[in-house]
Structure formats: structure tokens, C-alpha cells
Amino acid sequence: MRKSYGSTWWGQQWLNALNNIDYSNRLPRGRSYANRGAVEAIHIENNHISAKVRGTRPSPYKVKIQVPRFTADTRSKIIALVTGNPIFLSSLLNRKLPNELYHRCRENFIDLFPKSWSEPQSGTT
């Protein structure tokens, strides 16, 4: 059964950003693994994402990616944007990401999405 990914506006933006930096066709391969239930565990901690994947190897292997951290200055600017706009703050408190926040960040030269892959030293183990 084919699954859909990036069903929200923000999810689609993440997929677009990752597609723009995926020079090794990792995303289609990852989608294929996810669609057939081969991703056994996903763990997200801070800016590190890891997953156990059952591929063609006898035992699952671990895939790791790292999303760049925001600098302290960038975090301060994002916080100021959010706290300075009651609609942003209300939306976030209701677990919704307002699309306009992305545009306001762009106006302030803040990139919310990665522009390159960054992998921990041991890409896969």
C-alpha cells in the first residue's frame, strides 16, 4: 500500500528542502523502505534523527541524520517573531504551525529548512 508523506504545508516544505539536497536518491529509497514497513524504530533527539531499518542485510542497520542547529541569535529572532504575533503564538500553543511564520522568517533572512545533508561521523552502522 502506497503511503502519502508531507500531507501538511510544513511537511511538504520539509520534503521539498530534502529533495533539493538529496543527490544520492536516499529519499525514494527511504520511502520505499517506509512503505513496506522496513523502518522499525525512529528516534528524534534534539537535532539528531536515527532509525533502525531492515534492508537486505540479515539484521537491521541504523541510519542517522543531523539537522543543523539554529544559532542563539537565530533562535532569539524566531522567538521574537512568535511572541510578537499573537496569531503565531496562539497557533503554536494549539499545536499548529502557521504558514505565515515561514514567510516572516524568510523576510528576516532566517532559513528554517536545511540546505545540505549533515551526517554524524558514522553515517550508518
PDB file of N, CA and C in Angstrom:
ATOM      1  N   MET A   1       0.835  -1.176   0.000  1.00  0.00           N
ATOM      2  CA  MET A   1       0.000   0.000   0.000  1.00  0.00           C
ATOM      3  C   MET A   1       0.887   1.249   0.000  1.00  0.00           C
ATOM      4  N   ARG A   2       0.646   2.136  -0.925  1.00  0.00           N
ATOM      5  CA  ARG A   2       1.422   3.364  -1.045  1.00  0.00           C
ATOM      6  C   ARG A   2       0.946   4.382  -0.012  1.00  0.00           C
ATOM      7  N   LYS A   3       1.883   4.947   0.718  1.00  0.00           N
ATOM      8  CA  LYS A   3       1.552   5.926   1.746  1.00  0.00           C
ATOM      9  C   LYS A   3       1.859   7.320   1.232  1.00  0.00           C
ATOM     10  N   SER A   4       1.218   8.293   1.829  1.00  0.00           N
ATOM     11  CA  SER A   4       1.435   9.686   1.460  1.00  0.00           C
ATOM     12  C   SER A   4       2.297  10.351   2.527  1.00  0.00           C
ATOM     13  N   TYR A   5       3.241  11.149   2.099  1.00  0.00           N
ATOM     14  CA  TYR A   5       4.122  11.861   3.019  1.00  0.00           C
ATOM     15  C   TYR A   5       4.027  13.350   2.726  1.00  0.00           C
ATOM     16  N   GLY A   6       4.272  14.145   3.728  1.00  0.00           N
ATOM     17  CA  GLY A   6       4.213  15.594   3.543  1.00  0.00           C
ATOM     18  C   GLY A   6       2.800  16.069   3.292  1.00  0.00           C
ATOM     19  N   SER A   7       1.851  15.587   4.099  1.00  0.00           N
ATOM     20  CA  SER A   7       0.445  15.925   3.865  1.00  0.00           C
ATOM     21  C   SER A   7       0.083  17.330   4.350  1.00  0.00           C
ATOM     22  N   THR A   8       0.927  17.946   5.178  1.00  0.00           N
ATOM     23  CA  THR A   8       0.677  19.325   5.597  1.00  0.00           C
ATOM     24  C   THR A   8       1.563  20.262   4.780  1.00  0.00           C
ATOM     25  N   TRP A   9       1.271  21.543   4.849  1.00  0.00           N
ATOM     26  CA  TRP A   9       2.086  22.521   4.132  1.00  0.00           C
ATOM     27  C   TRP A   9       3.540  22.445   4.610  1.00  0.00           C
ATOM     28  N   TRP A  10       3.727  22.376   5.942  1.00  0.00           N
ATOM     29  CA  TRP A  10       5.077  22.306   6.507  1.00  0.00           C
ATOM     30  C   TRP A  10       5.767  21.001   6.120  1.00  0.00           C
ATOM     31  N   GLY A  11       5.028  19.903   6.151  1.00  0.00           N
ATOM     32  CA  GLY A  11       5.597  18.619   5.744  1.00  0.00           C
ATOM     33  C   GLY A  11       6.069  18.659   4.305  1.00  0.00           C
ATOM     34  N   GLN A  12       5.281  19.290   3.450  1.00  0.00           N
ATOM     35  CA  GLN A  12       5.672  19.411   2.038  1.00  0.00           C
ATOM     36  C   GLN A  12       6.924  20.269   1.893  1.00  0.00           C
ATOM     37  N   GLN A  13       7.039  21.328   2.698  1.00  0.00           N
ATOM     38  CA  GLN A  13       8.231  22.176   2.657  1.00  0.00           C
ATOM     39  C   GLN A  13       9.477  21.386   3.062  1.00  0.00           C
ATOM     40  N   TRP A  14       9.328  20.526   4.099  1.00  0.00           N
ATOM     41  CA  TRP A  14      10.448  19.681   4.519  1.00  0.00           C
ATOM     42  C   TRP A  14      10.847  18.742   3.381  1.00  0.00           C
ATOM     43  N   LEU A  15       9.865  18.101   2.769  1.00  0.00           N
ATOM     44  CA  LEU A  15      10.182  17.188   1.665  1.00  0.00           C
ATOM     45  C   LEU A  15      10.832  17.921   0.510  1.00  0.00           C
ATOM     46  N   ASN A  16      10.341  19.111   0.186  1.00  0.00           N
ATOM     47  CA  ASN A  16      10.953  19.905  -0.895  1.00  0.00           C
ATOM     48  C   ASN A  16      12.400  20.235  -0.560  1.00  0.00           C
ATOM     49  N   ALA A  17      12.636  20.664   0.683  1.00  0.00           N
ATOM     50  CA  ALA A  17      14.001  21.008   1.093  1.00  0.00           C
ATOM     51  C   ALA A  17      14.903  19.780   1.001  1.00  0.00           C
ATOM     52  N   LEU A  18      14.434  18.648   1.486  1.00  0.00           N
ATOM     53  CA  LEU A  18      15.253  17.434   1.458  1.00  0.00           C
ATOM     54  C   LEU A  18      15.460  16.931   0.026  1.00  0.00           C
ATOM     55  N   ASN A  19      14.431  17.040  -0.802  1.00  0.00           N
ATOM     56  CA  ASN A  19      14.586  16.645  -2.213  1.00  0.00           C
ATOM     57  C   ASN A  19      15.632  17.485  -2.918  1.00  0.00           C
ATOM     58  N   ASN A  20      15.725  18.768  -2.553  1.00  0.00           N
ATOM     59  CA  ASN A  20      16.695  19.656  -3.187  1.00  0.00           C
ATOM     60  C   ASN A  20      18.135  19.336  -2.813  1.00  0.00           C
ATOM     61  N   ILE A  21      18.341  18.593  -1.745  1.00  0.00           N
ATOM     62  CA  ILE A  21      19.711  18.275  -1.322  1.00  0.00           C
ATOM     63  C   ILE A  21      20.004  16.783  -1.389  1.00  0.00           C
ATOM     64  N   ASP A  22      19.074  16.015  -1.917  1.00  0.00           N
ATOM     65  CA  ASP A  22      19.234  14.559  -1.993  1.00  0.00           C
ATOM     66  C   ASP A  22      19.880  14.178  -3.314  1.00  0.00           C
ATOM     67  N   TYR A  23      21.211  14.130  -3.325  1.00  0.00           N
ATOM     68  CA  TYR A  23      21.934  13.806  -4.558  1.00  0.00           C
ATOM     69  C   TYR A  23      22.201  12.322  -4.706  1.00  0.00           C
ATOM     70  N   SER A  24      21.828  11.535  -3.709  1.00  0.00           N
ATOM     71  CA  SER A  24      22.114  10.098  -3.737  1.00  0.00           C
ATOM     72  C   SER A  24      20.845   9.259  -3.824  1.00  0.00           C
ATOM     73  N   ASN A  25      19.722   9.900  -4.108  1.00  0.00           N
ATOM     74  CA  ASN A  25      18.437   9.186  -4.195  1.00  0.00           C
ATOM     75  C   ASN A  25      18.071   8.478  -2.901  1.00  0.00           C
ATOM     76  N   ARG A  26      18.413   9.066  -1.773  1.00  0.00           N
ATOM     77  CA  ARG A  26      18.098   8.462  -0.481  1.00  0.00           C
ATOM     78  C   ARG A  26      16.610   8.528  -0.167  1.00  0.00           C
ATOM     79  N   LEU A  27      15.970   9.627  -0.534  1.00  0.00           N
ATOM     80  CA  LEU A  27      14.551   9.777  -0.191  1.00  0.00           C
ATOM     81  C   LEU A  27      13.666   8.744  -0.877  1.00  0.00           C
ATOM     82  N   PRO A  28      13.821   8.506  -2.180  1.00  0.00           N
ATOM     83  CA  PRO A  28      12.989   7.457  -2.786  1.00  0.00           C
ATOM     84  C   PRO A  28      13.243   6.093  -2.153  1.00  0.00           C
ATOM     85  N   ARG A  29      14.498   5.797  -1.837  1.00  0.00           N
ATOM     86  CA  ARG A  29      14.830   4.524  -1.188  1.00  0.00           C
ATOM     87  C   ARG A  29      14.206   4.466   0.204  1.00  0.00           C
ATOM     88  N   GLY A  30      14.284   5.571   0.941  1.00  0.00           N
ATOM     89  CA  GLY A  30      13.688   5.636   2.271  1.00  0.00           C
ATOM     90  C   GLY A  30      12.173   5.485   2.223  1.00  0.00           C
ATOM     91  N   ARG A  31      11.543   6.125   1.238  1.00  0.00           N
ATOM     92  CA  ARG A  31      10.093   5.995   1.063  1.00  0.00           C
ATOM     93  C   ARG A  31       9.715   4.549   0.803  1.00  0.00           C
ATOM     94  N   SER A  32      10.514   3.905  -0.041  1.00  0.00           N
ATOM     95  CA  SER A  32      10.263   2.501  -0.368  1.00  0.00           C
ATOM     96  C   SER A  32      10.351   1.632   0.888  1.00  0.00           C
ATOM     97  N   TYR A  33      11.388   1.852   1.694  1.00  0.00           N
ATOM     98  CA  TYR A  33      11.534   1.105   2.944  1.00  0.00           C
ATOM     99  C   TYR A  33      10.348   1.381   3.876  1.00  0.00           C
ATOM    100  N   ALA A  34       9.977   2.648   4.011  1.00  0.00           N
ATOM    101  CA  ALA A  34       8.864   3.004   4.905  1.00  0.00           C
ATOM    102  C   ALA A  34       7.553   2.382   4.416  1.00  0.00           C
ATOM    103  N   ASN A  35       7.327   2.417   3.105  1.00  0.00           N
ATOM    104  CA  ASN A  35       6.080   1.874   2.552  1.00  0.00           C
ATOM    105  C   ASN A  35       5.939   0.378   2.802  1.00  0.00           C
ATOM    106  N   ARG A  36       7.047  -0.328   2.834  1.00  0.00           N
ATOM    107  CA  ARG A  36       6.943  -1.768   3.044  1.00  0.00           C
ATOM    108  C   ARG A  36       7.152  -2.167   4.509  1.00  0.00           C
ATOM    109  N   GLY A  37       7.196  -1.168   5.396  1.00  0.00           N
ATOM    110  CA  GLY A  37       7.274  -1.445   6.831  1.00  0.00           C
ATOM    111  C   GLY A  37       8.652  -1.829   7.321  1.00  0.00           C
ATOM    112  N   ALA A  38       9.699  -1.463   6.596  1.00  0.00           N
ATOM    113  CA  ALA A  38      11.056  -1.855   6.962  1.00  0.00           C
ATOM    114  C   ALA A  38      11.699  -0.921   7.994  1.00  0.00           C
ATOM    115  N   VAL A  39      11.077   0.214   8.267  1.00  0.00           N
ATOM    116  CA  VAL A  39      11.615   1.130   9.276  1.00  0.00           C
ATOM    117  C   VAL A  39      11.046   0.689  10.620  1.00  0.00           C
ATOM    118  N   GLU A  40      11.915   0.145  11.460  1.00  0.00           N
ATOM    119  CA  GLU A  40      11.466  -0.466  12.709  1.00  0.00           C
ATOM    120  C   GLU A  40      11.383   0.504  13.874  1.00  0.00           C
ATOM    121  N   ALA A  41      12.190   1.508  13.883  1.00  0.00           N
ATOM    122  CA  ALA A  41      12.174   2.448  15.007  1.00  0.00           C
ATOM    123  C   ALA A  41      12.759   3.776  14.548  1.00  0.00           C
ATOM    124  N   ILE A  42      12.112   4.850  14.959  1.00  0.00           N
ATOM    125  CA  ILE A  42      12.621   6.195  14.678  1.00  0.00           C
ATOM    126  C   ILE A  42      12.801   6.883  16.018  1.00  0.00           C
ATOM    127  N   HIS A  43      13.950   7.512  16.187  1.00  0.00           N
ATOM    128  CA  HIS A  43      14.244   8.209  17.433  1.00  0.00           C
ATOM    129  C   HIS A  43      14.696   9.625  17.083  1.00  0.00           C
ATOM    130  N   ILE A  44      14.055  10.612  17.683  1.00  0.00           N
ATOM    131  CA  ILE A  44      14.415  12.013  17.454  1.00  0.00           C
ATOM    132  C   ILE A  44      14.834  12.613  18.780  1.00  0.00           C
ATOM    133  N   GLU A  45      16.045  13.140  18.802  1.00  0.00           N
ATOM    134  CA  GLU A  45      16.548  13.813  19.998  1.00  0.00           C
ATOM    135  C   GLU A  45      17.296  15.059  19.558  1.00  0.00           C
ATOM    136  N   ASN A  46      16.748  16.202  19.969  1.00  0.00           N
ATOM    137  CA  ASN A  46      17.290  17.491  19.555  1.00  0.00           C
ATOM    138  C   ASN A  46      17.343  17.559  18.039  1.00  0.00           C
ATOM    139  N   ASN A  47      18.527  17.708  17.477  1.00  0.00           N
ATOM    140  CA  ASN A  47      18.634  17.816  16.023  1.00  0.00           C
ATOM    141  C   ASN A  47      19.150  16.522  15.380  1.00  0.00           C
ATOM    142  N   HIS A  48      19.126  15.423  16.132  1.00  0.00           N
ATOM    143  CA  HIS A  48      19.574  14.125  15.620  1.00  0.00           C
ATOM    144  C   HIS A  48      18.371  13.212  15.392  1.00  0.00           C
ATOM    145  N   ILE A  49      18.347  12.590  14.240  1.00  0.00           N
ATOM    146  CA  ILE A  49      17.277  11.651  13.898  1.00  0.00           C
ATOM    147  C   ILE A  49      17.943  10.339  13.525  1.00  0.00           C
ATOM    148  N   SER A  50      17.488   9.260  14.142  1.00  0.00           N
ATOM    149  CA  SER A  50      18.035   7.952  13.802  1.00  0.00           C
ATOM    150  C   SER A  50      16.886   6.973  13.624  1.00  0.00           C
ATOM    151  N   ALA A  51      17.149   5.941  12.845  1.00  0.00           N
ATOM    152  CA  ALA A  51      16.127   4.917  12.607  1.00  0.00           C
ATOM    153  C   ALA A  51      16.811   3.577  12.405  1.00  0.00           C
ATOM    154  N   LYS A  52      16.135   2.512  12.827  1.00  0.00           N
ATOM    155  CA  LYS A  52      16.575   1.155  12.507  1.00  0.00           C
ATOM    156  C   LYS A  52      15.793   0.719  11.284  1.00  0.00           C
ATOM    157  N   VAL A  53      16.529   0.217  10.297  1.00  0.00           N
ATOM    158  CA  VAL A  53      15.919  -0.155   9.018  1.00  0.00           C
ATOM    159  C   VAL A  53      16.279  -1.594   8.685  1.00  0.00           C
ATOM    160  N   ARG A  54      15.288  -2.350   8.304  1.00  0.00           N
ATOM    161  CA  ARG A  54      15.515  -3.729   7.874  1.00  0.00           C
ATOM    162  C   ARG A  54      15.581  -3.711   6.348  1.00  0.00           C
ATOM    163  N   GLY A  55      16.798  -3.761   5.846  1.00  0.00           N
ATOM    164  CA  GLY A  55      17.020  -3.785   4.406  1.00  0.00           C
ATOM    165  C   GLY A  55      17.284  -5.208   3.938  1.00  0.00           C
ATOM    166  N   THR A  56      18.261  -5.353   3.070  1.00  0.00           N
ATOM    167  CA  THR A  56      18.595  -6.674   2.554  1.00  0.00           C
ATOM    168  C   THR A  56      19.565  -7.416   3.473  1.00  0.00           C
ATOM    169  N   ARG A  57      20.166  -6.699   4.428  1.00  0.00           N
ATOM    170  CA  ARG A  57      21.075  -7.330   5.391  1.00  0.00           C
ATOM    171  C   ARG A  57      20.281  -8.211   6.350  1.00  0.00           C
ATOM    172  N   PRO A  58      20.932  -9.212   6.940  1.00  0.00           N
ATOM    173  CA  PRO A  58      20.225 -10.103   7.874  1.00  0.00           C
ATOM    174  C   PRO A  58      19.705  -9.384   9.127  1.00  0.00           C
ATOM    175  N   SER A  59      20.438  -8.382   9.595  1.00  0.00           N
ATOM    176  CA  SER A  59      19.969  -7.662  10.782  1.00  0.00           C
ATOM    177  C   SER A  59      19.749  -6.190  10.404  1.00  0.00           C
ATOM    178  N   PRO A  60      18.868  -5.519  11.145  1.00  0.00           N
ATOM    179  CA  PRO A  60      18.600  -4.106  10.844  1.00  0.00           C
ATOM    180  C   PRO A  60      19.855  -3.257  10.990  1.00  0.00           C
ATOM    181  N   TYR A  61      19.923  -2.205  10.211  1.00  0.00           N
ATOM    182  CA  TYR A  61      21.037  -1.269  10.347  1.00  0.00           C
ATOM    183  C   TYR A  61      20.482   0.075  10.778  1.00  0.00           C
ATOM    184  N   LYS A  62      21.353   0.917  11.296  1.00  0.00           N
ATOM    185  CA  LYS A  62      20.937   2.204  11.829  1.00  0.00           C
ATOM    186  C   LYS A  62      21.302   3.308  10.837  1.00  0.00           C
ATOM    187  N   VAL A  63      20.341   4.169  10.580  1.00  0.00           N
ATOM    188  CA  VAL A  63      20.551   5.327   9.716  1.00  0.00           C
ATOM    189  C   VAL A  63      20.468   6.561  10.603  1.00  0.00           C
ATOM    190  N   LYS A  64      21.390   7.494  10.422  1.00  0.00           N
ATOM    191  CA  LYS A  64      21.410   8.703  11.239  1.00  0.00           C
ATOM    192  C   LYS A  64      21.517   9.924  10.338  1.00  0.00           C
ATOM    193  N   ILE A  65      20.739  10.950  10.659  1.00  0.00           N
ATOM    194  CA  ILE A  65      20.930  12.249  10.025  1.00  0.00           C
ATOM    195  C   ILE A  65      20.892  13.305  11.120  1.00  0.00           C
ATOM    196  N   GLN A  66      21.435  14.433  10.786  1.00  0.00           N
ATOM    197  CA  GLN A  66      21.503  15.525  11.738  1.00  0.00           C
ATOM    198  C   GLN A  66      21.031  16.786  11.022  1.00  0.00           C
ATOM    199  N   VAL A  67      20.080  17.479  11.622  1.00  0.00           N
ATOM    200  CA  VAL A  67      19.588  18.739  11.079  1.00  0.00           C
ATOM    201  C   VAL A  67      20.385  19.857  11.746  1.00  0.00           C
ATOM    202  N   PRO A  68      20.857  20.830  10.966  1.00  0.00           N
ATOM    203  CA  PRO A  68      21.652  21.906  11.578  1.00  0.00           C
ATOM    204  C   PRO A  68      20.883  22.626  12.690  1.00  0.00           C
ATOM    205  N   ARG A  69      21.596  22.968  13.745  1.00  0.00           N
ATOM    206  CA  ARG A  69      21.002  23.719  14.864  1.00  0.00           C
ATOM    207  C   ARG A  69      20.922  25.198  14.490  1.00  0.00           C
ATOM    208  N   PHE A  70      19.947  25.876  15.074  1.00  0.00           N
ATOM    209  CA  PHE A  70      19.892  27.326  14.935  1.00  0.00           C
ATOM    210  C   PHE A  70      20.915  27.938  15.877  1.00  0.00           C
ATOM    211  N   THR A  71      21.505  29.049  15.464  1.00  0.00           N
ATOM    212  CA  THR A  71      22.400  29.777  16.361  1.00  0.00           C
ATOM    213  C   THR A  71      21.553  30.450  17.439  1.00  0.00           C
ATOM    214  N   ALA A  72      22.196  30.894  18.496  1.00  0.00           N
ATOM    215  CA  ALA A  72      21.481  31.587  19.573  1.00  0.00           C
ATOM    216  C   ALA A  72      20.793  32.834  19.026  1.00  0.00           C
ATOM    217  N   ASP A  73      21.468  33.532  18.127  1.00  0.00           N
ATOM    218  CA  ASP A  73      20.895  34.750  17.529  1.00  0.00           C
ATOM    219  C   ASP A  73      19.645  34.410  16.710  1.00  0.00           C
ATOM    220  N   THR A  74      19.711  33.349  15.921  1.00  0.00           N
ATOM    221  CA  THR A  74      18.565  32.947  15.108  1.00  0.00           C
ATOM    222  C   THR A  74      17.405  32.517  16.002  1.00  0.00           C
ATOM    223  N   ARG A  75      17.695  31.744  17.037  1.00  0.00           N
ATOM    224  CA  ARG A  75      16.638  31.342  17.978  1.00  0.00           C
ATOM    225  C   ARG A  75      15.965  32.567  18.588  1.00  0.00           C
ATOM    226  N   SER A  76      16.756  33.551  18.980  1.00  0.00           N
ATOM    227  CA  SER A  76      16.202  34.782  19.568  1.00  0.00           C
ATOM    228  C   SER A  76      15.293  35.499  18.581  1.00  0.00           C
ATOM    229  N   LYS A  77      15.697  35.540  17.323  1.00  0.00           N
ATOM    230  CA  LYS A  77      14.875  36.201  16.296  1.00  0.00           C
ATOM    231  C   LYS A  77      13.559  35.452  16.079  1.00  0.00           C
ATOM    232  N   ILE A  78      13.622  34.132  16.059  1.00  0.00           N
ATOM    233  CA  ILE A  78      12.393  33.341  15.875  1.00  0.00           C
ATOM    234  C   ILE A  78      11.465  33.530  17.073  1.00  0.00           C
ATOM    235  N   ILE A  79      12.014  33.513  18.266  1.00  0.00           N
ATOM    236  CA  ILE A  79      11.209  33.713  19.473  1.00  0.00           C
ATOM    237  C   ILE A  79      10.557  35.092  19.446  1.00  0.00           C
ATOM    238  N   ALA A  80      11.304  36.102  19.007  1.00  0.00           N
ATOM    239  CA  ALA A  80      10.746  37.457  18.923  1.00  0.00           C
ATOM    240  C   ALA A  80       9.603  37.501  17.901  1.00  0.00           C
ATOM    241  N   LEU A  81       9.762  36.814  16.778  1.00  0.00           N
ATOM    242  CA  LEU A  81       8.685  36.774  15.779  1.00  0.00           C
ATOM    243  C   LEU A  81       7.436  36.120  16.348  1.00  0.00           C
ATOM    244  N   VAL A  82       7.621  35.014  17.052  1.00  0.00           N
ATOM    245  CA  VAL A  82       6.482  34.273  17.591  1.00  0.00           C
ATOM    246  C   VAL A  82       5.796  35.050  18.710  1.00  0.00           C
ATOM    247  N   THR A  83       6.584  35.549  19.656  1.00  0.00           N
ATOM    248  CA  THR A  83       5.977  36.243  20.792  1.00  0.00           C
ATOM    249  C   THR A  83       5.436  37.615  20.404  1.00  0.00           C
ATOM    250  N   GLY A  84       5.914  38.158  19.299  1.00  0.00           N
ATOM    251  CA  GLY A  84       5.431  39.455  18.834  1.00  0.00           C
ATOM    252  C   GLY A  84       4.164  39.365  18.001  1.00  0.00           C
ATOM    253  N   ASN A  85       3.696  38.162  17.743  1.00  0.00           N
ATOM    254  CA  ASN A  85       2.499  37.992  16.919  1.00  0.00           C
ATOM    255  C   ASN A  85       1.540  37.038  17.635  1.00  0.00           C
ATOM    256  N   PRO A  86       0.453  37.562  18.184  1.00  0.00           N
ATOM    257  CA  PRO A  86      -0.472  36.715  18.946  1.00  0.00           C
ATOM    258  C   PRO A  86      -1.037  35.546  18.131  1.00  0.00           C
ATOM    259  N   ILE A  87      -1.188  35.729  16.830  1.00  0.00           N
ATOM    260  CA  ILE A  87      -1.708  34.639  15.989  1.00  0.00           C
ATOM    261  C   ILE A  87      -0.690  33.502  15.923  1.00  0.00           C
ATOM    262  N   PHE A  88       0.588  33.838  15.757  1.00  0.00           N
ATOM    263  CA  PHE A  88       1.632  32.805  15.745  1.00  0.00           C
ATOM    264  C   PHE A  88       1.635  32.059  17.075  1.00  0.00           C
ATOM    265  N   LEU A  89       1.640  32.820  18.145  1.00  0.00           N
ATOM    266  CA  LEU A  89       1.715  32.223  19.478  1.00  0.00           C
ATOM    267  C   LEU A  89       0.503  31.333  19.742  1.00  0.00           C
ATOM    268  N   SER A  90      -0.676  31.823  19.427  1.00  0.00           N
ATOM    269  CA  SER A  90      -1.903  31.045  19.628  1.00  0.00           C
ATOM    270  C   SER A  90      -1.884  29.765  18.792  1.00  0.00           C
ATOM    271  N   SER A  91      -1.470  29.871  17.538  1.00  0.00           N
ATOM    272  CA  SER A  91      -1.414  28.695  16.661  1.00  0.00           C
ATOM    273  C   SER A  91      -0.451  27.657  17.211  1.00  0.00           C
ATOM    274  N   LEU A  92       0.730  28.098  17.617  1.00  0.00           N
ATOM    275  CA  LEU A  92       1.725  27.166  18.140  1.00  0.00           C
ATOM    276  C   LEU A  92       1.251  26.517  19.440  1.00  0.00           C
ATOM    277  N   LEU A  93       0.583  27.278  20.281  1.00  0.00           N
ATOM    278  CA  LEU A  93       0.052  26.704  21.512  1.00  0.00           C
ATOM    279  C   LEU A  93      -1.030  25.667  21.223  1.00  0.00           C
ATOM    280  N   ASN A  94      -1.673  25.785  20.067  1.00  0.00           N
ATOM    281  CA  ASN A  94      -2.676  24.806  19.633  1.00  0.00           C
ATOM    282  C   ASN A  94      -2.074  23.750  18.707  1.00  0.00           C
ATOM    283  N   ARG A  95      -0.743  23.638  18.767  1.00  0.00           N
ATOM    284  CA  ARG A  95      -0.002  22.619  18.011  1.00  0.00           C
ATOM    285  C   ARG A  95      -0.169  22.736  16.501  1.00  0.00           C
ATOM    286  N   LYS A  96      -0.261  23.979  16.022  1.00  0.00           N
ATOM    287  CA  LYS A  96      -0.358  24.239  14.594  1.00  0.00           C
ATOM    288  C   LYS A  96       0.746  25.206  14.205  1.00  0.00           C
ATOM    289  N   LEU A  97       1.374  24.924  13.078  1.00  0.00           N
ATOM    290  CA  LEU A  97       2.407  25.811  12.569  1.00  0.00           C
ATOM    291  C   LEU A  97       1.796  26.719  11.505  1.00  0.00           C
ATOM    292  N   PRO A  98       1.722  28.020  11.780  1.00  0.00           N
ATOM    293  CA  PRO A  98       1.156  28.921  10.773  1.00  0.00           C
ATOM    294  C   PRO A  98       2.116  29.090   9.587  1.00  0.00           C
ATOM    295  N   ASN A  99       1.585  28.966   8.378  1.00  0.00           N
ATOM    296  CA  ASN A  99       2.401  29.125   7.164  1.00  0.00           C
ATOM    297  C   ASN A  99       3.085  30.486   7.133  1.00  0.00           C
ATOM    298  N   GLU A 100       2.392  31.494   7.618  1.00  0.00           N
ATOM    299  CA  GLU A 100       2.923  32.855   7.581  1.00  0.00           C
ATOM    300  C   GLU A 100       4.223  32.981   8.382  1.00  0.00           C
ATOM    301  N   LEU A 101       4.413  32.130   9.381  1.00  0.00           N
ATOM    302  CA  LEU A 101       5.648  32.166  10.161  1.00  0.00           C
ATOM    303  C   LEU A 101       6.853  31.917   9.259  1.00  0.00           C
ATOM    304  N   TYR A 102       6.711  30.983   8.332  1.00  0.00           N
ATOM    305  CA  TYR A 102       7.789  30.703   7.372  1.00  0.00           C
ATOM    306  C   TYR A 102       8.140  31.965   6.585  1.00  0.00           C
ATOM    307  N   HIS A 103       7.115  32.650   6.084  1.00  0.00           N
ATOM    308  CA  HIS A 103       7.350  33.848   5.273  1.00  0.00           C
ATOM    309  C   HIS A 103       7.979  34.965   6.095  1.00  0.00           C
ATOM    310  N   ARG A 104       7.552  35.107   7.340  1.00  0.00           N
ATOM    311  CA  ARG A 104       8.154  36.123   8.202  1.00  0.00           C
ATOM    312  C   ARG A 104       9.616  35.789   8.503  1.00  0.00           C
ATOM    313  N   CYS A 105       9.905  34.520   8.677  1.00  0.00           N
ATOM    314  CA  CYS A 105      11.295  34.112   8.888  1.00  0.00           C
ATOM    315  C   CYS A 105      12.123  34.446   7.654  1.00  0.00           C
ATOM    316  N   ARG A 106      11.604  34.141   6.484  1.00  0.00           N
ATOM    317  CA  ARG A 106      12.332  34.446   5.241  1.00  0.00           C
ATOM    318  C   ARG A 106      12.595  35.942   5.114  1.00  0.00           C
ATOM    319  N   GLU A 107      11.601  36.763   5.463  1.00  0.00           N
ATOM    320  CA  GLU A 107      11.783  38.223   5.426  1.00  0.00           C
ATOM    321  C   GLU A 107      12.904  38.663   6.354  1.00  0.00           C
ATOM    322  N   ASN A 108      13.148  37.888   7.395  1.00  0.00           N
ATOM    323  CA  ASN A 108      14.194  38.199   8.370  1.00  0.00           C
ATOM    324  C   ASN A 108      15.470  37.393   8.121  1.00  0.00           C
ATOM    325  N   PHE A 109      15.586  36.838   6.911  1.00  0.00           N
ATOM    326  CA  PHE A 109      16.777  36.083   6.480  1.00  0.00           C
ATOM    327  C   PHE A 109      17.065  34.874   7.360  1.00  0.00           C
ATOM    328  N   ILE A 110      15.997  34.223   7.810  1.00  0.00           N
ATOM    329  CA  ILE A 110      16.125  33.014   8.615  1.00  0.00           C
ATOM    330  C   ILE A 110      15.710  31.829   7.766  1.00  0.00           C
ATOM    331  N   ASP A 111      16.644  30.894   7.571  1.00  0.00           N
ATOM    332  CA  ASP A 111      16.346  29.659   6.846  1.00  0.00           C
ATOM    333  C   ASP A 111      15.878  28.611   7.842  1.00  0.00           C
ATOM    334  N   LEU A 112      14.657  28.136   7.671  1.00  0.00           N
ATOM    335  CA  LEU A 112      14.114  27.131   8.591  1.00  0.00           C
ATOM    336  C   LEU A 112      14.451  25.711   8.164  1.00  0.00           C
ATOM    337  N   PHE A 113      14.759  25.525   6.902  1.00  0.00           N
ATOM    338  CA  PHE A 113      14.979  24.185   6.375  1.00  0.00           C
ATOM    339  C   PHE A 113      16.441  24.009   5.964  1.00  0.00           C
ATOM    340  N   PRO A 114      16.962  22.793   6.107  1.00  0.00           N
ATOM    341  CA  PRO A 114      18.377  22.547   5.775  1.00  0.00           C
ATOM    342  C   PRO A 114      18.654  22.742   4.289  1.00  0.00           C
ATOM    343  N   LYS A 115      19.866  23.173   4.003  1.00  0.00           N
ATOM    344  CA  LYS A 115      20.296  23.364   2.621  1.00  0.00           C
ATOM    345  C   LYS A 115      21.352  22.349   2.206  1.00  0.00           C
ATOM    346  N   SER A 116      21.765  21.486   3.157  1.00  0.00           N
ATOM    347  CA  SER A 116      22.722  20.427   2.841  1.00  0.00           C
ATOM    348  C   SER A 116      22.555  19.309   3.862  1.00  0.00           C
ATOM    349  N   TRP A 117      23.004  18.113   3.472  1.00  0.00           N
ATOM    350  CA  TRP A 117      22.983  16.980   4.398  1.00  0.00           C
ATOM    351  C   TRP A 117      24.093  17.156   5.399  1.00  0.00           C
ATOM    352  N   SER A 118      23.840  16.780   6.621  1.00  0.00           N
ATOM    353  CA  SER A 118      24.870  16.736   7.634  1.00  0.00           C
ATOM    354  C   SER A 118      24.681  15.425   8.376  1.00  0.00           C
ATOM    355  N   GLU A 119      25.640  14.545   8.253  1.00  0.00           N
ATOM    356  CA  GLU A 119      25.540  13.237   8.894  1.00  0.00           C
ATOM    357  C   GLU A 119      26.558  13.129  10.009  1.00  0.00           C
ATOM    358  N   PRO A 120      26.194  12.458  11.090  1.00  0.00           N
ATOM    359  CA  PRO A 120      27.197  12.171  12.116  1.00  0.00           C
ATOM    360  C   PRO A 120      28.372  11.384  11.488  1.00  0.00           C
ATOM    361  N   GLN A 121      29.502  11.364  12.140  1.00  0.00           N
ATOM    362  CA  GLN A 121      30.707  10.728  11.612  1.00  0.00           C
ATOM    363  C   GLN A 121      30.473   9.325  11.078  1.00  0.00           C
ATOM    364  N   SER A 122      29.622   8.540  11.722  1.00  0.00           N
ATOM    365  CA  SER A 122      29.445   7.164  11.301  1.00  0.00           C
ATOM    366  C   SER A 122      28.117   6.997  10.565  1.00  0.00           C
ATOM    367  N   GLY A 123      27.882   7.728   9.488  1.00  0.00           N
ATOM    368  CA  GLY A 123      26.642   7.744   8.715  1.00  0.00           C
ATOM    369  C   GLY A 123      25.714   6.567   8.915  1.00  0.00           C
ATOM    370  N   THR A 124      26.194   5.338   8.757  1.00  0.00           N
ATOM    371  CA  THR A 124      25.369   4.164   9.045  1.00  0.00           C
ATOM    372  C   THR A 124      26.199   3.167   9.827  1.00  0.00           C
ATOM    373  N   THR A 125      25.539   2.439  10.694  1.00  0.00           N
ATOM    374  CA  THR A 125      26.234   1.392  11.437  1.00  0.00           C
ATOM    375  C   THR A 125      25.395   0.138  11.460  1.00  0.00           C
TER     376      THR A 125
END
